[in-house]
Amino acid sequence: MGIVGTTSAKDWKRITRAAFWHPRHWVAQRRFAPSAVAGGVGQLYPCIGVFTVDSRAVGAYGRLADQPLIDSRARDVAVLLEAE
């Protein structure tokens, strides 16, 4: 996973080489501007995902990263829902 301007040059070279040799293992996503939130240690970038089974939402997960790239260094966080 990589983003131009966020991913190091060394990692970007490794990623593009892997995508060239194994294109079926990769997908492209349109870039968007993430909104950072204030954290106790500076700006954090959140990500919320939803698990689905047969097109039904069955769970959610959250991640926080120090950079606008959610990768293996991002931290898992709780996703809390308010009852209706």
PDB file of N, CA and C in Angstrom:
ATOM      1  N   MET A   1       0.853  -1.158   0.000  1.00  0.00           N
ATOM      2  CA  MET A   1       0.000   0.000   0.000  1.00  0.00           C
ATOM      3  C   MET A   1       0.901   1.222   0.000  1.00  0.00           C
ATOM      4  N   GLY A   2       0.625   2.145  -0.886  1.00  0.00           N
ATOM      5  CA  GLY A   2       1.462   3.324  -0.941  1.00  0.00           C
ATOM      6  C   GLY A   2       0.741   4.536  -1.490  1.00  0.00           C
ATOM      7  N   ILE A   3       1.208   5.697  -1.070  1.00  0.00           N
ATOM      8  CA  ILE A   3       0.671   6.971  -1.536  1.00  0.00           C
ATOM      9  C   ILE A   3       1.856   7.858  -1.900  1.00  0.00           C
ATOM     10  N   VAL A   4       1.861   8.371  -3.119  1.00  0.00           N
ATOM     11  CA  VAL A   4       2.923   9.283  -3.544  1.00  0.00           C
ATOM     12  C   VAL A   4       2.943  10.480  -2.598  1.00  0.00           C
ATOM     13  N   GLY A   5       4.126  10.834  -2.115  1.00  0.00           N
ATOM     14  CA  GLY A   5       4.256  11.959  -1.201  1.00  0.00           C
ATOM     15  C   GLY A   5       4.178  11.566   0.260  1.00  0.00           C
ATOM     16  N   THR A   6       3.691  10.369   0.547  1.00  0.00           N
ATOM     17  CA  THR A   6       3.614   9.871   1.919  1.00  0.00           C
ATOM     18  C   THR A   6       4.527   8.672   2.100  1.00  0.00           C
ATOM     19  N   THR A   7       4.525   7.780   1.128  1.00  0.00           N
ATOM     20  CA  THR A   7       5.352   6.578   1.163  1.00  0.00           C
ATOM     21  C   THR A   7       6.798   6.946   0.825  1.00  0.00           C
ATOM     22  N   SER A   8       7.751   6.343   1.531  1.00  0.00           N
ATOM     23  CA  SER A   8       9.167   6.629   1.255  1.00  0.00           C
ATOM     24  C   SER A   8       9.518   6.188  -0.166  1.00  0.00           C
ATOM     25  N   ALA A   9      10.555   6.798  -0.728  1.00  0.00           N
ATOM     26  CA  ALA A   9      10.987   6.461  -2.091  1.00  0.00           C
ATOM     27  C   ALA A   9      11.367   4.986  -2.195  1.00  0.00           C
ATOM     28  N   LYS A  10      12.031   4.473  -1.184  1.00  0.00           N
ATOM     29  CA  LYS A  10      12.441   3.065  -1.180  1.00  0.00           C
ATOM     30  C   LYS A  10      11.220   2.143  -1.208  1.00  0.00           C
ATOM     31  N   ASP A  11      10.234   2.425  -0.340  1.00  0.00           N
ATOM     32  CA  ASP A  11       9.023   1.595  -0.312  1.00  0.00           C
ATOM     33  C   ASP A  11       8.226   1.744  -1.606  1.00  0.00           C
ATOM     34  N   TRP A  12       8.151   2.981  -2.147  1.00  0.00           N
ATOM     35  CA  TRP A  12       7.399   3.200  -3.390  1.00  0.00           C
ATOM     36  C   TRP A  12       7.992   2.380  -4.533  1.00  0.00           C
ATOM     37  N   LYS A  13       9.313   2.326  -4.610  1.00  0.00           N
ATOM     38  CA  LYS A  13       9.979   1.544  -5.651  1.00  0.00           C
ATOM     39  C   LYS A  13       9.645   0.061  -5.495  1.00  0.00           C
ATOM     40  N   ARG A  14       9.675  -0.435  -4.264  1.00  0.00           N
ATOM     41  CA  ARG A  14       9.343  -1.841  -3.998  1.00  0.00           C
ATOM     42  C   ARG A  14       7.889  -2.138  -4.376  1.00  0.00           C
ATOM     43  N   ILE A  15       6.983  -1.235  -4.024  1.00  0.00           N
ATOM     44  CA  ILE A  15       5.554  -1.417  -4.309  1.00  0.00           C
ATOM     45  C   ILE A  15       5.291  -1.418  -5.811  1.00  0.00           C
ATOM     46  N   THR A  16       5.851  -0.446  -6.534  1.00  0.00           N
ATOM     47  CA  THR A  16       5.593  -0.382  -7.977  1.00  0.00           C
ATOM     48  C   THR A  16       6.197  -1.579  -8.702  1.00  0.00           C
ATOM     49  N   ARG A  17       7.323  -2.061  -8.227  1.00  0.00           N
ATOM     50  CA  ARG A  17       7.922  -3.255  -8.834  1.00  0.00           C
ATOM     51  C   ARG A  17       7.004  -4.468  -8.609  1.00  0.00           C
ATOM     52  N   ALA A  18       6.499  -4.627  -7.396  1.00  0.00           N
ATOM     53  CA  ALA A  18       5.602  -5.747  -7.097  1.00  0.00           C
ATOM     54  C   ALA A  18       4.317  -5.651  -7.922  1.00  0.00           C
ATOM     55  N   ALA A  19       3.776  -4.441  -8.076  1.00  0.00           N
ATOM     56  CA  ALA A  19       2.555  -4.265  -8.866  1.00  0.00           C
ATOM     57  C   ALA A  19       2.797  -4.572 -10.340  1.00  0.00           C
ATOM     58  N   PHE A  20       3.976  -4.235 -10.837  1.00  0.00           N
ATOM     59  CA  PHE A  20       4.318  -4.523 -12.231  1.00  0.00           C
ATOM     60  C   PHE A  20       4.374  -6.031 -12.468  1.00  0.00           C
ATOM     61  N   TRP A  21       5.033  -6.761 -11.579  1.00  0.00           N
ATOM     62  CA  TRP A  21       5.221  -8.200 -11.765  1.00  0.00           C
ATOM     63  C   TRP A  21       3.996  -9.020 -11.376  1.00  0.00           C
ATOM     64  N   HIS A  22       3.144  -8.494 -10.498  1.00  0.00           N
ATOM     65  CA  HIS A  22       1.962  -9.228 -10.028  1.00  0.00           C
ATOM     66  C   HIS A  22       0.732  -8.314 -10.052  1.00  0.00           C
ATOM     67  N   PRO A  23       0.312  -7.844 -11.222  1.00  0.00           N
ATOM     68  CA  PRO A  23      -0.778  -6.862 -11.286  1.00  0.00           C
ATOM     69  C   PRO A  23      -2.108  -7.369 -10.734  1.00  0.00           C
ATOM     70  N   ARG A  24      -2.353  -8.643 -10.765  1.00  0.00           N
ATOM     71  CA  ARG A  24      -3.630  -9.170 -10.246  1.00  0.00           C
ATOM     72  C   ARG A  24      -3.705  -9.126  -8.725  1.00  0.00           C
ATOM     73  N   HIS A  25      -2.596  -8.899  -8.077  1.00  0.00           N
ATOM     74  CA  HIS A  25      -2.570  -8.834  -6.614  1.00  0.00           C
ATOM     75  C   HIS A  25      -2.812  -7.418  -6.093  1.00  0.00           C
ATOM     76  N   TRP A  26      -3.028  -6.469  -7.000  1.00  0.00           N
ATOM     77  CA  TRP A  26      -3.114  -5.069  -6.608  1.00  0.00           C
ATOM     78  C   TRP A  26      -4.401  -4.433  -7.119  1.00  0.00           C
ATOM     79  N   VAL A  27      -4.875  -3.438  -6.398  1.00  0.00           N
ATOM     80  CA  VAL A  27      -6.002  -2.614  -6.845  1.00  0.00           C
ATOM     81  C   VAL A  27      -5.606  -1.149  -6.671  1.00  0.00           C
ATOM     82  N   ALA A  28      -6.206  -0.293  -7.460  1.00  0.00           N
ATOM     83  CA  ALA A  28      -5.966   1.147  -7.335  1.00  0.00           C
ATOM     84  C   ALA A  28      -7.196   1.792  -6.726  1.00  0.00           C
ATOM     85  N   GLN A  29      -6.970   2.754  -5.884  1.00  0.00           N
ATOM     86  CA  GLN A  29      -8.060   3.492  -5.252  1.00  0.00           C
ATOM     87  C   GLN A  29      -7.869   4.965  -5.559  1.00  0.00           C
ATOM     88  N   ARG A  30      -8.949   5.650  -5.851  1.00  0.00           N
ATOM     89  CA  ARG A  30      -8.861   7.087  -6.107  1.00  0.00           C
ATOM     90  C   ARG A  30      -8.433   7.779  -4.815  1.00  0.00           C
ATOM     91  N   ARG A  31      -7.479   8.679  -4.925  1.00  0.00           N
ATOM     92  CA  ARG A  31      -6.971   9.377  -3.753  1.00  0.00           C
ATOM     93  C   ARG A  31      -7.996  10.385  -3.257  1.00  0.00           C
ATOM     94  N   PHE A  32      -8.055  10.526  -1.950  1.00  0.00           N
ATOM     95  CA  PHE A  32      -8.932  11.507  -1.324  1.00  0.00           C
ATOM     96  C   PHE A  32      -8.155  12.179  -0.202  1.00  0.00           C
ATOM     97  N   ALA A  33      -8.618  13.316   0.253  1.00  0.00           N
ATOM     98  CA  ALA A  33      -7.943  14.053   1.321  1.00  0.00           C
ATOM     99  C   ALA A  33      -8.543  13.642   2.664  1.00  0.00           C
ATOM    100  N   PRO A  34      -7.801  12.898   3.473  1.00  0.00           N
ATOM    101  CA  PRO A  34      -8.327  12.493   4.775  1.00  0.00           C
ATOM    102  C   PRO A  34      -8.341  13.672   5.747  1.00  0.00           C
ATOM    103  N   SER A  35      -9.247  13.627   6.687  1.00  0.00           N
ATOM    104  CA  SER A  35      -9.325  14.661   7.721  1.00  0.00           C
ATOM    105  C   SER A  35      -8.640  14.146   8.977  1.00  0.00           C
ATOM    106  N   ALA A  36      -7.655  14.880   9.453  1.00  0.00           N
ATOM    107  CA  ALA A  36      -6.953  14.494  10.676  1.00  0.00           C
ATOM    108  C   ALA A  36      -7.778  14.931  11.885  1.00  0.00           C
ATOM    109  N   VAL A  37      -7.595  14.225  12.986  1.00  0.00           N
ATOM    110  CA  VAL A  37      -8.226  14.582  14.254  1.00  0.00           C
ATOM    111  C   VAL A  37      -7.114  14.823  15.270  1.00  0.00           C
ATOM    112  N   ALA A  38      -7.378  15.696  16.231  1.00  0.00           N
ATOM    113  CA  ALA A  38      -6.384  15.985  17.260  1.00  0.00           C
ATOM    114  C   ALA A  38      -6.309  14.818  18.233  1.00  0.00           C
ATOM    115  N   GLY A  39      -5.091  14.377  18.492  1.00  0.00           N
ATOM    116  CA  GLY A  39      -4.868  13.308  19.454  1.00  0.00           C
ATOM    117  C   GLY A  39      -3.924  13.791  20.534  1.00  0.00           C
ATOM    118  N   GLY A  40      -3.706  12.985  21.540  1.00  0.00           N
ATOM    119  CA  GLY A  40      -2.818  13.352  22.629  1.00  0.00           C
ATOM    120  C   GLY A  40      -1.372  13.503  22.200  1.00  0.00           C
ATOM    121  N   VAL A  41      -1.020  12.918  21.050  1.00  0.00           N
ATOM    122  CA  VAL A  41       0.362  12.959  20.560  1.00  0.00           C
ATOM    123  C   VAL A  41       0.472  13.699  19.231  1.00  0.00           C
ATOM    124  N   GLY A  42      -0.531  14.483  18.881  1.00  0.00           N
ATOM    125  CA  GLY A  42      -0.511  15.215  17.613  1.00  0.00           C
ATOM    126  C   GLY A  42      -1.679  14.828  16.734  1.00  0.00           C
ATOM    127  N   GLN A  43      -1.552  15.114  15.443  1.00  0.00           N
ATOM    128  CA  GLN A  43      -2.617  14.808  14.486  1.00  0.00           C
ATOM    129  C   GLN A  43      -2.650  13.311  14.189  1.00  0.00           C
ATOM    130  N   LEU A  44      -3.847  12.748  14.147  1.00  0.00           N
ATOM    131  CA  LEU A  44      -4.037  11.336  13.822  1.00  0.00           C
ATOM    132  C   LEU A  44      -5.031  11.226  12.674  1.00  0.00           C
ATOM    133  N   TYR A  45      -4.849  10.214  11.854  1.00  0.00           N
ATOM    134  CA  TYR A  45      -5.715   9.993  10.695  1.00  0.00           C
ATOM    135  C   TYR A  45      -6.555   8.746  10.942  1.00  0.00           C
ATOM    136  N   PRO A  46      -7.886   8.915  11.027  1.00  0.00           N
ATOM    137  CA  PRO A  46      -8.758   7.775  11.318  1.00  0.00           C
ATOM    138  C   PRO A  46      -9.217   7.042  10.060  1.00  0.00           C
ATOM    139  N   CYS A  47      -9.570   5.794  10.252  1.00  0.00           N
ATOM    140  CA  CYS A  47     -10.157   4.968   9.197  1.00  0.00           C
ATOM    141  C   CYS A  47     -11.220   4.111   9.852  1.00  0.00           C
ATOM    142  N   ILE A  48     -12.400   4.087   9.288  1.00  0.00           N
ATOM    143  CA  ILE A  48     -13.474   3.216   9.773  1.00  0.00           C
ATOM    144  C   ILE A  48     -13.881   2.315   8.625  1.00  0.00           C
ATOM    145  N   GLY A  49     -13.950   1.038   8.898  1.00  0.00           N
ATOM    146  CA  GLY A  49     -14.348   0.067   7.890  1.00  0.00           C
ATOM    147  C   GLY A  49     -15.526  -0.752   8.375  1.00  0.00           C
ATOM    148  N   VAL A  50     -16.240  -1.347   7.454  1.00  0.00           N
ATOM    149  CA  VAL A  50     -17.418  -2.148   7.776  1.00  0.00           C
ATOM    150  C   VAL A  50     -17.257  -3.537   7.183  1.00  0.00           C
ATOM    151  N   PHE A  51     -17.508  -4.558   8.006  1.00  0.00           N
ATOM    152  CA  PHE A  51     -17.515  -5.936   7.532  1.00  0.00           C
ATOM    153  C   PHE A  51     -18.911  -6.255   7.011  1.00  0.00           C
ATOM    154  N   THR A  52     -19.001  -6.924   5.861  1.00  0.00           N
ATOM    155  CA  THR A  52     -20.300  -7.305   5.316  1.00  0.00           C
ATOM    156  C   THR A  52     -20.335  -8.794   5.000  1.00  0.00           C
ATOM    157  N   VAL A  53     -21.526  -9.363   5.109  1.00  0.00           N
ATOM    158  CA  VAL A  53     -21.794 -10.739   4.699  1.00  0.00           C
ATOM    159  C   VAL A  53     -23.094 -10.698   3.910  1.00  0.00           C
ATOM    160  N   ASP A  54     -23.067 -11.178   2.688  1.00  0.00           N
ATOM    161  CA  ASP A  54     -24.252 -11.144   1.821  1.00  0.00           C
ATOM    162  C   ASP A  54     -24.859  -9.747   1.757  1.00  0.00           C
ATOM    163  N   SER A  55     -24.022  -8.746   1.611  1.00  0.00           N
ATOM    164  CA  SER A  55     -24.423  -7.341   1.471  1.00  0.00           C
ATOM    165  C   SER A  55     -25.035  -6.738   2.730  1.00  0.00           C
ATOM    166  N   ARG A  56     -24.901  -7.402   3.872  1.00  0.00           N
ATOM    167  CA  ARG A  56     -25.412  -6.861   5.143  1.00  0.00           C
ATOM    168  C   ARG A  56     -24.235  -6.487   6.027  1.00  0.00           C
ATOM    169  N   ALA A  57     -24.317  -5.328   6.663  1.00  0.00           N
ATOM    170  CA  ALA A  57     -23.276  -4.916   7.608  1.00  0.00           C
ATOM    171  C   ALA A  57     -23.356  -5.807   8.843  1.00  0.00           C
ATOM    172  N   VAL A  58     -22.228  -6.399   9.218  1.00  0.00           N
ATOM    173  CA  VAL A  58     -22.211  -7.305  10.376  1.00  0.00           C
ATOM    174  C   VAL A  58     -21.169  -6.893  11.417  1.00  0.00           C
ATOM    175  N   GLY A  59     -20.416  -5.856  11.155  1.00  0.00           N
ATOM    176  CA  GLY A  59     -19.418  -5.406  12.114  1.00  0.00           C
ATOM    177  C   GLY A  59     -18.657  -4.211  11.581  1.00  0.00           C
ATOM    178  N   ALA A  60     -17.883  -3.601  12.464  1.00  0.00           N
ATOM    179  CA  ALA A  60     -17.091  -2.435  12.078  1.00  0.00           C
ATOM    180  C   ALA A  60     -15.730  -2.505  12.756  1.00  0.00           C
ATOM    181  N   TYR A  61     -14.773  -1.820  12.166  1.00  0.00           N
ATOM    182  CA  TYR A  61     -13.444  -1.733  12.763  1.00  0.00           C
ATOM    183  C   TYR A  61     -12.916  -0.318  12.588  1.00  0.00           C
ATOM    184  N   GLY A  62     -11.977   0.054  13.424  1.00  0.00           N
ATOM    185  CA  GLY A  62     -11.367   1.370  13.323  1.00  0.00           C
ATOM    186  C   GLY A  62      -9.859   1.274  13.421  1.00  0.00           C
ATOM    187  N   ARG A  63      -9.170   2.185  12.739  1.00  0.00           N
ATOM    188  CA  ARG A  63      -7.701   2.266  12.780  1.00  0.00           C
ATOM    189  C   ARG A  63      -7.318   3.738  12.882  1.00  0.00           C
ATOM    190  N   LEU A  64      -6.191   4.018  13.509  1.00  0.00           N
ATOM    191  CA  LEU A  64      -5.631   5.368  13.594  1.00  0.00           C
ATOM    192  C   LEU A  64      -4.169   5.317  13.180  1.00  0.00           C
ATOM    193  N   ALA A  65      -3.741   6.301  12.396  1.00  0.00           N
ATOM    194  CA  ALA A  65      -2.349   6.351  11.953  1.00  0.00           C
ATOM    195  C   ALA A  65      -1.784   7.752  12.154  1.00  0.00           C
ATOM    196  N   ASP A  66      -0.462   7.829  12.265  1.00  0.00           N
ATOM    197  CA  ASP A  66       0.230   9.109  12.408  1.00  0.00           C
ATOM    198  C   ASP A  66       0.383   9.826  11.073  1.00  0.00           C
ATOM    199  N   GLN A  67       0.090   9.147   9.981  1.00  0.00           N
ATOM    200  CA  GLN A  67       0.221   9.703   8.637  1.00  0.00           C
ATOM    201  C   GLN A  67      -1.045   9.380   7.851  1.00  0.00           C
ATOM    202  N   PRO A  68      -1.299  10.066   6.745  1.00  0.00           N
ATOM    203  CA  PRO A  68      -2.527   9.806   5.983  1.00  0.00           C
ATOM    204  C   PRO A  68      -2.436   8.538   5.135  1.00  0.00           C
ATOM    205  N   LEU A  69      -1.921   7.477   5.735  1.00  0.00           N
ATOM    206  CA  LEU A  69      -1.806   6.172   5.085  1.00  0.00           C
ATOM    207  C   LEU A  69      -2.043   5.126   6.161  1.00  0.00           C
ATOM    208  N   ILE A  70      -3.097   4.357   6.017  1.00  0.00           N
ATOM    209  CA  ILE A  70      -3.410   3.317   6.994  1.00  0.00           C
ATOM    210  C   ILE A  70      -2.699   2.053   6.541  1.00  0.00           C
ATOM    211  N   ASP A  71      -1.648   1.682   7.271  1.00  0.00           N
ATOM    212  CA  ASP A  71      -0.877   0.494   6.917  1.00  0.00           C
ATOM    213  C   ASP A  71      -0.627  -0.336   8.175  1.00  0.00           C
ATOM    214  N   SER A  72       0.370  -1.194   8.152  1.00  0.00           N
ATOM    215  CA  SER A  72       0.626  -2.092   9.280  1.00  0.00           C
ATOM    216  C   SER A  72       1.046  -1.352  10.544  1.00  0.00           C
ATOM    217  N   ARG A  73       1.440  -0.087  10.419  1.00  0.00           N
ATOM    218  CA  ARG A  73       1.829   0.690  11.602  1.00  0.00           C
ATOM    219  C   ARG A  73       0.647   1.379  12.268  1.00  0.00           C
ATOM    220  N   ALA A  74      -0.521   1.363  11.639  1.00  0.00           N
ATOM    221  CA  ALA A  74      -1.715   1.982  12.223  1.00  0.00           C
ATOM    222  C   ALA A  74      -2.167   1.171  13.440  1.00  0.00           C
ATOM    223  N   ARG A  75      -2.824   1.853  14.359  1.00  0.00           N
ATOM    224  CA  ARG A  75      -3.299   1.208  15.585  1.00  0.00           C
ATOM    225  C   ARG A  75      -4.778   0.862  15.463  1.00  0.00           C
ATOM    226  N   ASP A  76      -5.155  -0.283  16.005  1.00  0.00           N
ATOM    227  CA  ASP A  76      -6.565  -0.657  16.072  1.00  0.00           C
ATOM    228  C   ASP A  76      -7.233   0.165  17.168  1.00  0.00           C
ATOM    229  N   VAL A  77      -8.456   0.604  16.919  1.00  0.00           N
ATOM    230  CA  VAL A  77      -9.216   1.374  17.907  1.00  0.00           C
ATOM    231  C   VAL A  77     -10.647   0.858  17.945  1.00  0.00           C
ATOM    232  N   ALA A  78     -11.314   1.110  19.060  1.00  0.00           N
ATOM    233  CA  ALA A  78     -12.706   0.685  19.217  1.00  0.00           C
ATOM    234  C   ALA A  78     -13.628   1.567  18.378  1.00  0.00           C
ATOM    235  N   VAL A  79     -14.678   0.971  17.856  1.00  0.00           N
ATOM    236  CA  VAL A  79     -15.740   1.702  17.165  1.00  0.00           C
ATOM    237  C   VAL A  79     -16.983   1.542  18.026  1.00  0.00           C
ATOM    238  N   LEU A  80     -17.466   2.641  18.579  1.00  0.00           N
ATOM    239  CA  LEU A  80     -18.622   2.612  19.471  1.00  0.00           C
ATOM    240  C   LEU A  80     -19.824   3.213  18.758  1.00  0.00           C
ATOM    241  N   LEU A  81     -20.961   2.561  18.880  1.00  0.00           N
ATOM    242  CA  LEU A  81     -22.198   3.033  18.258  1.00  0.00           C
ATOM    243  C   LEU A  81     -23.184   3.436  19.337  1.00  0.00           C
ATOM    244  N   GLU A  82     -23.875   4.532  19.096  1.00  0.00           N
ATOM    245  CA  GLU A  82     -24.890   4.993  20.029  1.00  0.00           C
ATOM    246  C   GLU A  82     -26.227   4.360  19.659  1.00  0.00           C
ATOM    247  N   ALA A  83     -26.942   3.850  20.660  1.00  0.00           N
ATOM    248  CA  ALA A  83     -28.253   3.237  20.409  1.00  0.00           C
ATOM    249  C   ALA A  83     -29.214   4.291  19.880  1.00  0.00           C
ATOM    250  N   GLU A  84     -30.084   3.872  18.976  1.00  0.00           N
ATOM    251  CA  GLU A  84     -31.057   4.816  18.402  1.00  0.00           C
ATOM    252  C   GLU A  84     -32.213   5.031  19.330  1.00  0.00           C
TER     253      GLU A  84
END
